[in-house]
Amino acid sequence: MERRNFLRGAVFGTSAAVFGGTLMQGAAYAAPAQNGVSPYGGLLAADANGIMLPSGFTSRVIARSSQTVPGTSYTWHGAPDGGACFADGTGWIYVSNSELGTGGGASAVRFNSSGSITGAYRILSNTRTNCAGGATPWNTWLSCEEVSRGYVYETDPWGVKAAVRRDAMGRFKHEAAAADPVRKVIYLTEDESDGCFYRFIPTTWGDLSSGTLQVLVAGTAASGSFTWTNVPDPDGGPTYTRDQVSGAKIFNGGEGCHYASDTVWFTTKGDNRVWQLNLLNSTYELAYDDSLVTNGTAPLTGVDNVTGSSSGDLFVAEDGGNMEICIITPDDIVAPFLRVTGQSSSEICGPAFSPDGNRLYFSSQRGTSGSSSGGITYEVTGPFRTTA
């Protein structure tokens, strides 16, 4: 298979930190990724929080569903899901969706420069099953409803401005979003077994109130070239958006989505794949497929949310599997980065790096109880690498 390349050091301007935490850098990739030794080494025994980490890393609990966030009077939401970090002066904010079917919405935790929690609050209410989403270059959080003909809501991580429903971005079973400041589009995944992959082209970049929804058109192979075609009726009624364009490529359960350096990655849970779109030449291929791992048991299953670090590494969270966040390196090694123990009825959600790249946030949606009211949100700190 042809090798994949993405450019090092792309610059997104002042809001670079919101794209999963830090800028992706790149190197030549060979697809698909195979088992190998993690650049961080093996996992040590579980710590006091039940998390197995590499040497030099530590974890702490920053919030628990149905309990007050430490140092605040705010009760953390149930079923924490997709998330992102935003720079806030010398500190930062971590936002987190709630995948509750009733109420849903999203919350935020604010940190000072030393990482201490200084506040927590609601940024979106009265929505449904807010799964993943994505950050924008103008520092808003797109919260996506994972329901049939669901909506995207644009929210303010500071909780000052009211959330706005963005109807023009289409009504379908939304999962995740990723902003591309070069082409000035938002990529969108669809969590259906016969779902599609979309992009939204705003009429004016920075204003999502109007624009054009397009769907990716390609053949049935696992690699090839692609084009984009307008979706005639983004409202999706009576004909679902995924059924409106002949030749739209079908993806089995779209999940997480991440953009960096003229490349967009997204996961599909139905076939345990990580897809890569090479935007400079309009080609697509597989970055990972558990059925194509040839050197032992595939370490990454139940692919879900995905983010990236400044080293060019992808961090892919598992929904199920053995509750790991796995790393896919620029030289096509896939290996566990961490494992959450004693929570087999949960899933890992919302991985996102702090603006300085030294802290990784994520949630276990149902925690040790297996209930949406038992979610736990964590922070992992340590020597994350900045170059591959």
Protein backbone atom coordinates (compact mmCIF):
# COMPACT_ATOMS: atom_id res chain seq x y z
CA MET A 1 0.00 0.00 0.00
CA GLU A 2 1.23 3.50 -0.69
CA ARG A 3 2.81 5.29 2.22
CA ARG A 4 1.00 8.08 4.01
CA ASN A 5 2.58 11.46 4.66
CA PHE A 6 1.49 14.46 6.61
CA LEU A 7 3.36 17.71 7.09
CA ARG A 8 5.13 18.61 10.29
CA GLY A 9 4.38 21.69 12.29
CA ALA A 10 1.16 22.98 10.72
CA VAL A 11 0.07 26.23 12.33
CA PHE A 12 -3.56 26.86 13.22
CA GLY A 13 -3.02 30.27 14.82
CA THR A 14 -3.82 31.22 18.40
CA SER A 15 -6.33 28.43 18.95
CA ALA A 16 -4.00 25.57 18.06
CA ALA A 17 -4.32 24.06 21.51
CA VAL A 18 -7.96 23.15 21.09
CA PHE A 19 -7.35 20.56 18.40
CA GLY A 20 -7.06 17.59 20.73
CA GLY A 21 -4.61 19.59 22.81
CA THR A 22 -1.58 20.17 20.61
CA LEU A 23 -0.44 20.37 17.02
CA MET A 24 0.15 17.13 15.22
CA GLN A 25 3.47 16.65 13.53
CA GLY A 26 4.18 13.97 11.03
CA ALA A 27 6.42 11.57 9.26
CA ALA A 28 6.01 8.94 6.59
CA TYR A 29 3.50 6.29 7.59
CA ALA A 30 3.13 2.78 6.27
CA ALA A 31 -0.36 1.38 6.57
CA PRO A 32 -1.79 -0.32 8.47
CA ALA A 33 -0.25 -0.14 11.94
CA GLN A 34 1.13 -3.31 13.52
CA ASN A 35 1.95 -4.53 17.03
CA GLY A 36 5.14 -3.13 18.49
CA VAL A 37 6.84 -1.73 21.55
CA SER A 38 5.35 1.52 22.77
CA PRO A 39 7.73 4.49 22.87
CA TYR A 40 6.63 4.82 26.50
CA GLY A 41 7.46 1.21 27.40
CA GLY A 42 5.21 -1.35 29.01
CA LEU A 43 2.42 -0.76 31.50
CA LEU A 44 3.10 -0.96 35.22
CA ALA A 45 0.78 -2.38 37.85
CA ALA A 46 -2.43 -0.43 38.42
CA ASP A 47 -2.11 2.66 40.61
CA ALA A 48 -4.47 3.67 43.42
CA ASN A 49 -7.03 4.78 40.82
CA GLY A 50 -6.95 1.43 39.06
CA ILE A 51 -5.03 2.73 36.04
CA MET A 52 -2.05 0.95 34.52
CA LEU A 53 0.42 3.53 33.18
CA PRO A 54 3.95 3.61 31.79
CA SER A 55 6.84 4.57 34.06
CA GLY A 56 6.91 8.27 34.95
CA PHE A 57 3.15 8.85 34.61
CA THR A 58 0.59 9.48 37.33
CA SER A 59 -3.20 9.79 37.42
CA ARG A 60 -5.76 11.66 39.45
CA VAL A 61 -9.55 11.77 39.50
CA ILE A 62 -10.86 15.25 38.68
CA ALA A 63 -14.60 14.54 38.72
CA ARG A 64 -17.17 11.84 39.43
CA SER A 65 -20.70 11.73 38.06
CA SER A 66 -23.38 12.70 40.57
CA GLN A 67 -20.75 14.17 42.90
CA THR A 68 -19.49 17.70 43.44
CA VAL A 69 -16.35 18.55 41.48
CA PRO A 70 -13.60 19.07 44.08
CA GLY A 71 -13.15 22.72 45.01
CA THR A 72 -16.47 23.74 43.45
CA SER A 73 -20.18 23.52 44.15
CA TYR A 74 -20.98 21.97 40.76
CA THR A 75 -22.30 18.41 40.42
CA TRP A 76 -20.62 16.55 37.54
CA HIS A 77 -22.86 15.15 34.83
CA GLY A 78 -23.62 11.49 34.20
CA ALA A 79 -22.23 9.45 31.31
CA PRO A 80 -19.25 11.73 30.49
CA ASP A 81 -18.25 11.34 26.85
CA GLY A 82 -16.40 13.38 24.21
CA GLY A 83 -14.16 16.23 25.33
CA ALA A 84 -11.56 18.85 24.41
CA CYS A 85 -9.24 21.35 26.05
CA PHE A 86 -9.15 25.12 25.52
CA ALA A 87 -6.46 27.57 26.57
CA ASP A 88 -7.67 30.01 29.24
CA GLY A 89 -4.97 32.58 29.92
CA THR A 90 -2.23 30.70 31.74
CA GLY A 91 -4.68 27.91 32.56
CA TRP A 92 -7.09 25.82 30.53
CA ILE A 93 -10.60 24.38 30.37
CA TYR A 94 -11.65 20.78 29.78
CA VAL A 95 -15.15 20.36 28.34
CA SER A 96 -17.05 17.08 28.50
CA ASN A 97 -20.29 15.91 26.90
CA SER A 98 -22.99 13.95 28.70
CA GLU A 99 -24.40 10.98 26.78
CA LEU A 100 -27.53 10.78 28.93
CA GLY A 101 -30.60 10.22 26.76
CA THR A 102 -32.57 12.78 28.73
CA GLY A 103 -30.90 16.05 29.67
CA GLY A 104 -27.61 15.33 27.91
CA GLY A 105 -25.65 18.52 27.39
CA ALA A 106 -22.09 19.30 28.39
CA SER A 107 -20.05 20.67 31.30
CA ALA A 108 -16.63 22.23 31.80
CA VAL A 109 -13.85 22.19 34.41
CA ARG A 110 -11.47 25.15 34.65
CA PHE A 111 -7.83 24.81 35.76
CA ASN A 112 -5.20 27.37 36.71
CA SER A 113 -1.60 27.29 35.49
CA SER A 114 -0.59 24.76 38.14
CA GLY A 115 -3.43 22.39 37.25
CA SER A 116 -5.60 23.14 40.28
CA ILE A 117 -9.35 23.16 39.68
CA THR A 118 -10.79 26.66 39.96
CA GLY A 119 -14.34 26.12 38.70
CA ALA A 120 -16.88 23.83 37.05
CA TYR A 121 -20.16 24.64 35.33
CA ARG A 122 -22.75 23.68 32.72
CA ILE A 123 -22.33 24.87 29.11
CA LEU A 124 -25.22 22.98 27.43
CA SER A 125 -28.54 21.67 28.76
CA ASN A 126 -31.72 19.93 27.63
CA THR A 127 -30.32 18.00 24.69
CA ARG A 128 -30.13 14.27 23.98
CA THR A 129 -27.32 11.74 24.03
CA ASN A 130 -24.45 14.15 23.48
CA CYS A 131 -21.72 11.77 22.43
CA ALA A 132 -18.57 13.26 20.92
CA GLY A 133 -17.96 16.58 19.18
CA GLY A 134 -15.06 18.82 18.31
CA ALA A 135 -13.32 22.11 18.99
CA THR A 136 -13.25 25.02 16.54
CA PRO A 137 -10.41 27.47 15.81
CA TRP A 138 -12.58 30.26 17.26
CA ASN A 139 -12.68 28.47 20.61
CA THR A 140 -16.14 26.93 20.71
CA TRP A 141 -17.12 23.32 21.40
CA LEU A 142 -19.37 21.47 18.96
CA SER A 143 -21.52 19.03 20.92
CA CYS A 144 -23.12 16.32 18.79
CA GLU A 145 -26.37 14.43 19.45
CA GLU A 146 -26.02 10.72 18.75
CA VAL A 147 -29.70 10.16 17.91
CA SER A 148 -31.54 9.72 14.65
CA ARG A 149 -31.80 13.14 13.01
CA GLY A 150 -29.82 14.66 15.85
CA TYR A 151 -28.34 18.15 15.90
CA VAL A 152 -24.97 19.81 16.42
CA TYR A 153 -24.87 22.49 19.14
CA GLU A 154 -22.19 25.16 19.25
CA THR A 155 -21.27 25.94 22.85
CA ASP A 156 -19.08 28.38 24.77
CA PRO A 157 -16.42 26.61 26.91
CA TRP A 158 -16.49 29.60 29.29
CA GLY A 159 -20.23 29.22 29.80
CA VAL A 160 -20.89 32.91 29.10
CA LYS A 161 -22.67 32.75 25.74
CA ALA A 162 -25.78 30.64 25.22
CA ALA A 163 -25.40 27.48 23.16
CA VAL A 164 -26.73 27.65 19.59
CA ARG A 165 -28.24 24.80 17.57
CA ARG A 166 -26.57 24.61 14.15
CA ASP A 167 -29.28 23.20 11.87
CA ALA A 168 -27.27 23.80 8.68
CA MET A 169 -24.74 21.16 9.76
CA GLY A 170 -27.30 18.46 9.06
CA ARG A 171 -29.61 16.20 11.00
CA PHE A 172 -28.34 12.66 11.39
CA LYS A 173 -26.90 10.44 14.11
CA HIS A 174 -23.95 12.70 14.83
CA GLU A 175 -20.86 11.43 16.58
CA ALA A 176 -17.77 13.63 16.23
CA ALA A 177 -16.54 16.76 14.47
CA ALA A 178 -13.10 18.04 13.44
CA ALA A 179 -12.29 21.50 12.10
CA ASP A 180 -9.97 22.00 9.15
CA PRO A 181 -8.76 25.65 9.14
CA VAL A 182 -6.94 25.23 5.81
CA ARG A 183 -9.92 24.17 3.72
CA LYS A 184 -12.27 25.98 6.14
CA VAL A 185 -14.58 23.02 6.67
CA ILE A 186 -15.86 20.85 9.53
CA TYR A 187 -15.69 17.06 9.14
CA LEU A 188 -18.50 15.01 10.68
CA THR A 189 -18.90 11.30 11.47
CA GLU A 190 -22.18 9.37 11.58
CA ASP A 191 -22.77 6.54 14.05
CA GLU A 192 -24.81 4.20 11.88
CA SER A 193 -23.81 0.77 10.58
CA ASP A 194 -24.51 2.15 7.10
CA GLY A 195 -23.36 5.67 7.92
CA CYS A 196 -21.40 8.19 5.90
CA PHE A 197 -18.63 10.72 6.37
CA TYR A 198 -19.46 14.39 5.81
CA ARG A 199 -17.99 17.84 5.65
CA PHE A 200 -19.73 21.13 6.31
CA ILE A 201 -18.60 24.21 4.39
CA PRO A 202 -19.76 27.35 6.23
CA THR A 203 -20.81 30.28 4.07
CA THR A 204 -18.44 32.35 6.23
CA TRP A 205 -15.63 30.65 8.13
CA GLY A 206 -16.23 31.17 11.82
CA ASP A 207 -20.03 31.36 11.41
CA LEU A 208 -21.83 28.00 11.35
CA SER A 209 -25.33 29.42 10.87
CA SER A 210 -25.35 28.64 7.14
CA GLY A 211 -23.39 26.62 4.64
CA THR A 212 -23.28 23.47 2.53
CA LEU A 213 -23.29 19.87 3.78
CA GLN A 214 -21.40 17.40 1.59
CA VAL A 215 -20.88 13.63 1.76
CA LEU A 216 -17.77 11.67 0.82
CA VAL A 217 -18.16 9.68 -2.39
CA ALA A 218 -15.83 6.76 -3.12
CA GLY A 219 -15.73 3.09 -4.07
CA THR A 220 -16.14 0.11 -1.77
CA ALA A 221 -12.41 -0.65 -1.42
CA ALA A 222 -10.41 0.10 1.72
CA SER A 223 -8.28 2.60 -0.17
CA GLY A 224 -8.62 4.82 -3.19
CA SER A 225 -9.61 8.31 -4.21
CA PHE A 226 -12.62 10.29 -3.09
CA THR A 227 -14.74 13.29 -4.00
CA TRP A 228 -17.42 15.33 -2.26
CA THR A 229 -21.07 15.74 -3.31
CA ASN A 230 -23.69 18.09 -1.89
CA VAL A 231 -26.38 16.53 0.32
CA PRO A 232 -29.65 17.75 -1.24
CA ASP A 233 -31.62 17.88 2.02
CA PRO A 234 -29.44 18.25 5.15
CA ASP A 235 -32.58 18.10 7.31
CA GLY A 236 -32.69 14.37 6.60
CA GLY A 237 -36.44 14.02 6.37
CA PRO A 238 -38.13 12.04 5.03
CA THR A 239 -34.96 10.60 3.41
CA TYR A 240 -31.96 10.20 5.70
CA THR A 241 -28.87 12.14 4.67
CA ARG A 242 -26.91 8.90 4.23
CA ASP A 243 -29.41 7.70 1.61
CA GLN A 244 -29.58 10.82 -0.53
CA VAL A 245 -26.42 10.61 -2.66
CA SER A 246 -25.69 7.71 -5.00
CA GLY A 247 -22.14 6.50 -4.52
CA ALA A 248 -21.73 7.86 -1.00
CA LYS A 249 -19.18 5.64 0.73
CA ILE A 250 -20.59 3.59 3.59
CA PHE A 251 -18.72 3.43 6.89
CA ASN A 252 -19.64 0.98 9.63
CA GLY A 253 -20.32 3.02 12.74
CA GLY A 254 -18.43 6.32 12.56
CA GLU A 255 -16.91 7.41 15.87
CA GLY A 256 -14.02 9.75 16.73
CA CYS A 257 -12.52 12.25 14.30
CA HIS A 258 -9.25 14.23 14.38
CA TYR A 259 -7.65 16.69 11.95
CA ALA A 260 -4.03 17.80 11.67
CA SER A 261 -1.65 18.85 8.92
CA ASP A 262 -3.81 18.21 5.83
CA THR A 263 -4.94 14.86 7.18
CA VAL A 264 -8.10 13.70 8.90
CA TRP A 265 -8.46 10.45 10.80
CA PHE A 266 -11.68 8.85 11.97
CA THR A 267 -12.66 5.55 13.55
CA THR A 268 -15.39 3.04 12.72
CA LYS A 269 -16.45 0.76 15.54
CA GLY A 270 -18.30 -1.82 13.44
CA ASP A 271 -15.09 -3.05 11.84
CA ASN A 272 -12.45 -1.75 14.29
CA ARG A 273 -10.77 0.51 11.78
CA VAL A 274 -8.98 3.84 11.83
CA TRP A 275 -9.35 5.58 8.47
CA GLN A 276 -7.11 8.28 7.05
CA LEU A 277 -8.01 10.89 4.45
CA ASN A 278 -5.05 12.48 2.70
CA LEU A 279 -6.51 15.85 1.82
CA LEU A 280 -3.70 17.09 -0.42
CA ASN A 281 -4.31 14.36 -2.98
CA SER A 282 -7.90 13.32 -2.12
CA THR A 283 -7.08 9.72 -1.27
CA TYR A 284 -8.13 7.53 1.64
CA GLU A 285 -6.72 4.41 3.27
CA LEU A 286 -6.51 2.47 6.51
CA ALA A 287 -4.27 3.64 9.32
CA TYR A 288 -5.34 0.62 11.40
CA ASP A 289 -7.51 -2.48 11.06
CA ASP A 290 -7.50 -5.07 13.81
CA SER A 291 -8.11 -7.85 11.27
CA LEU A 292 -4.92 -6.87 9.41
CA VAL A 293 -2.60 -7.08 12.40
CA THR A 294 -0.31 -9.94 11.40
CA ASN A 295 2.19 -10.09 14.27
CA GLY A 296 0.12 -11.24 17.21
CA THR A 297 -3.16 -10.29 18.83
CA ALA A 298 -4.46 -6.87 17.84
CA PRO A 299 -4.03 -4.57 20.86
CA LEU A 300 -6.71 -2.06 19.84
CA THR A 301 -10.36 -3.10 19.67
CA GLY A 302 -13.62 -1.22 20.13
CA VAL A 303 -12.14 1.90 18.52
CA ASP A 304 -13.86 5.12 19.61
CA ASN A 305 -12.67 8.67 20.35
CA VAL A 306 -9.32 9.76 18.92
CA THR A 307 -6.94 12.65 19.53
CA GLY A 308 -3.34 13.50 18.66
CA SER A 309 -0.18 14.86 20.28
CA SER A 310 2.67 17.08 19.12
CA SER A 311 4.81 14.00 18.44
CA GLY A 312 2.49 12.87 15.65
CA ASP A 313 1.10 10.06 17.80
CA LEU A 314 -2.60 9.22 17.68
CA PHE A 315 -4.30 8.24 20.94
CA VAL A 316 -7.34 6.02 20.35
CA ALA A 317 -9.80 5.22 23.15
CA GLU A 318 -11.56 1.88 23.43
CA ASP A 319 -15.29 1.38 23.91
CA GLY A 320 -14.99 -1.96 25.65
CA GLY A 321 -12.03 -3.99 24.49
CA ASN A 322 -9.83 -4.16 27.58
CA MET A 323 -10.43 -0.50 28.47
CA GLU A 324 -7.25 0.92 27.00
CA ILE A 325 -6.13 4.06 25.29
CA CYS A 326 -3.78 2.85 22.56
CA ILE A 327 -1.13 4.81 20.73
CA ILE A 328 -0.50 4.66 16.98
CA THR A 329 2.92 6.14 16.25
CA PRO A 330 4.17 7.84 13.07
CA ASP A 331 6.18 4.68 12.30
CA ASP A 332 3.04 2.55 12.42
CA ILE A 333 3.40 0.95 15.82
CA VAL A 334 0.19 0.33 17.76
CA ALA A 335 0.48 -0.39 21.48
CA PRO A 336 -1.37 0.25 24.75
CA PHE A 337 -0.62 3.57 26.44
CA LEU A 338 -2.84 3.00 29.50
CA ARG A 339 -5.40 0.54 30.79
CA VAL A 340 -8.27 1.13 33.20
CA THR A 341 -8.85 -1.90 35.43
CA GLY A 342 -11.95 -3.06 37.27
CA GLN A 343 -14.33 -1.24 34.91
CA SER A 344 -15.19 -3.82 32.26
CA SER A 345 -18.75 -2.52 31.87
CA SER A 346 -17.58 0.95 30.89
CA GLU A 347 -15.92 2.68 27.93
CA ILE A 348 -13.16 5.25 27.63
CA CYS A 349 -14.24 8.64 26.27
CA GLY A 350 -13.06 12.16 25.60
CA PRO A 351 -9.25 11.95 25.40
CA ALA A 352 -7.79 15.46 25.07
CA PHE A 353 -4.45 17.09 25.88
CA SER A 354 -3.95 20.25 27.88
CA PRO A 355 -2.55 23.14 25.80
CA ASP A 356 1.02 22.44 26.93
CA GLY A 357 0.67 18.76 26.02
CA ASN A 358 1.68 17.54 29.49
CA ARG A 359 -1.71 16.34 30.71
CA LEU A 360 -4.17 13.93 29.11
CA TYR A 361 -7.83 14.04 30.16
CA PHE A 362 -10.38 11.28 29.59
CA SER A 363 -13.42 9.67 31.18
CA SER A 364 -14.59 6.20 32.03
CA GLN A 365 -18.24 6.68 31.16
CA ARG A 366 -19.74 4.21 33.63
CA GLY A 367 -16.86 3.73 36.04
CA THR A 368 -16.74 0.81 38.43
CA SER A 369 -20.51 0.67 38.84
CA GLY A 370 -21.36 0.10 35.18
CA SER A 371 -23.98 2.82 35.50
CA SER A 372 -24.13 6.21 33.77
CA SER A 373 -24.32 7.76 37.23
CA GLY A 374 -20.91 6.30 38.05
CA GLY A 375 -18.75 8.01 35.43
CA ILE A 376 -15.22 9.07 36.36
CA THR A 377 -13.12 11.76 34.67
CA TYR A 378 -9.34 11.46 34.96
CA GLU A 379 -6.15 13.39 34.33
CA VAL A 380 -2.87 11.68 33.44
CA THR A 381 0.37 13.65 33.84
CA GLY A 382 3.82 12.69 32.68
CA PRO A 383 6.60 12.97 30.11
CA PHE A 384 4.57 12.91 26.92
CA ARG A 385 6.96 13.07 24.01
CA THR A 386 6.98 16.10 21.73
CA THR A 387 8.81 14.52 18.80
CA ALA A 388 8.61 11.04 17.33
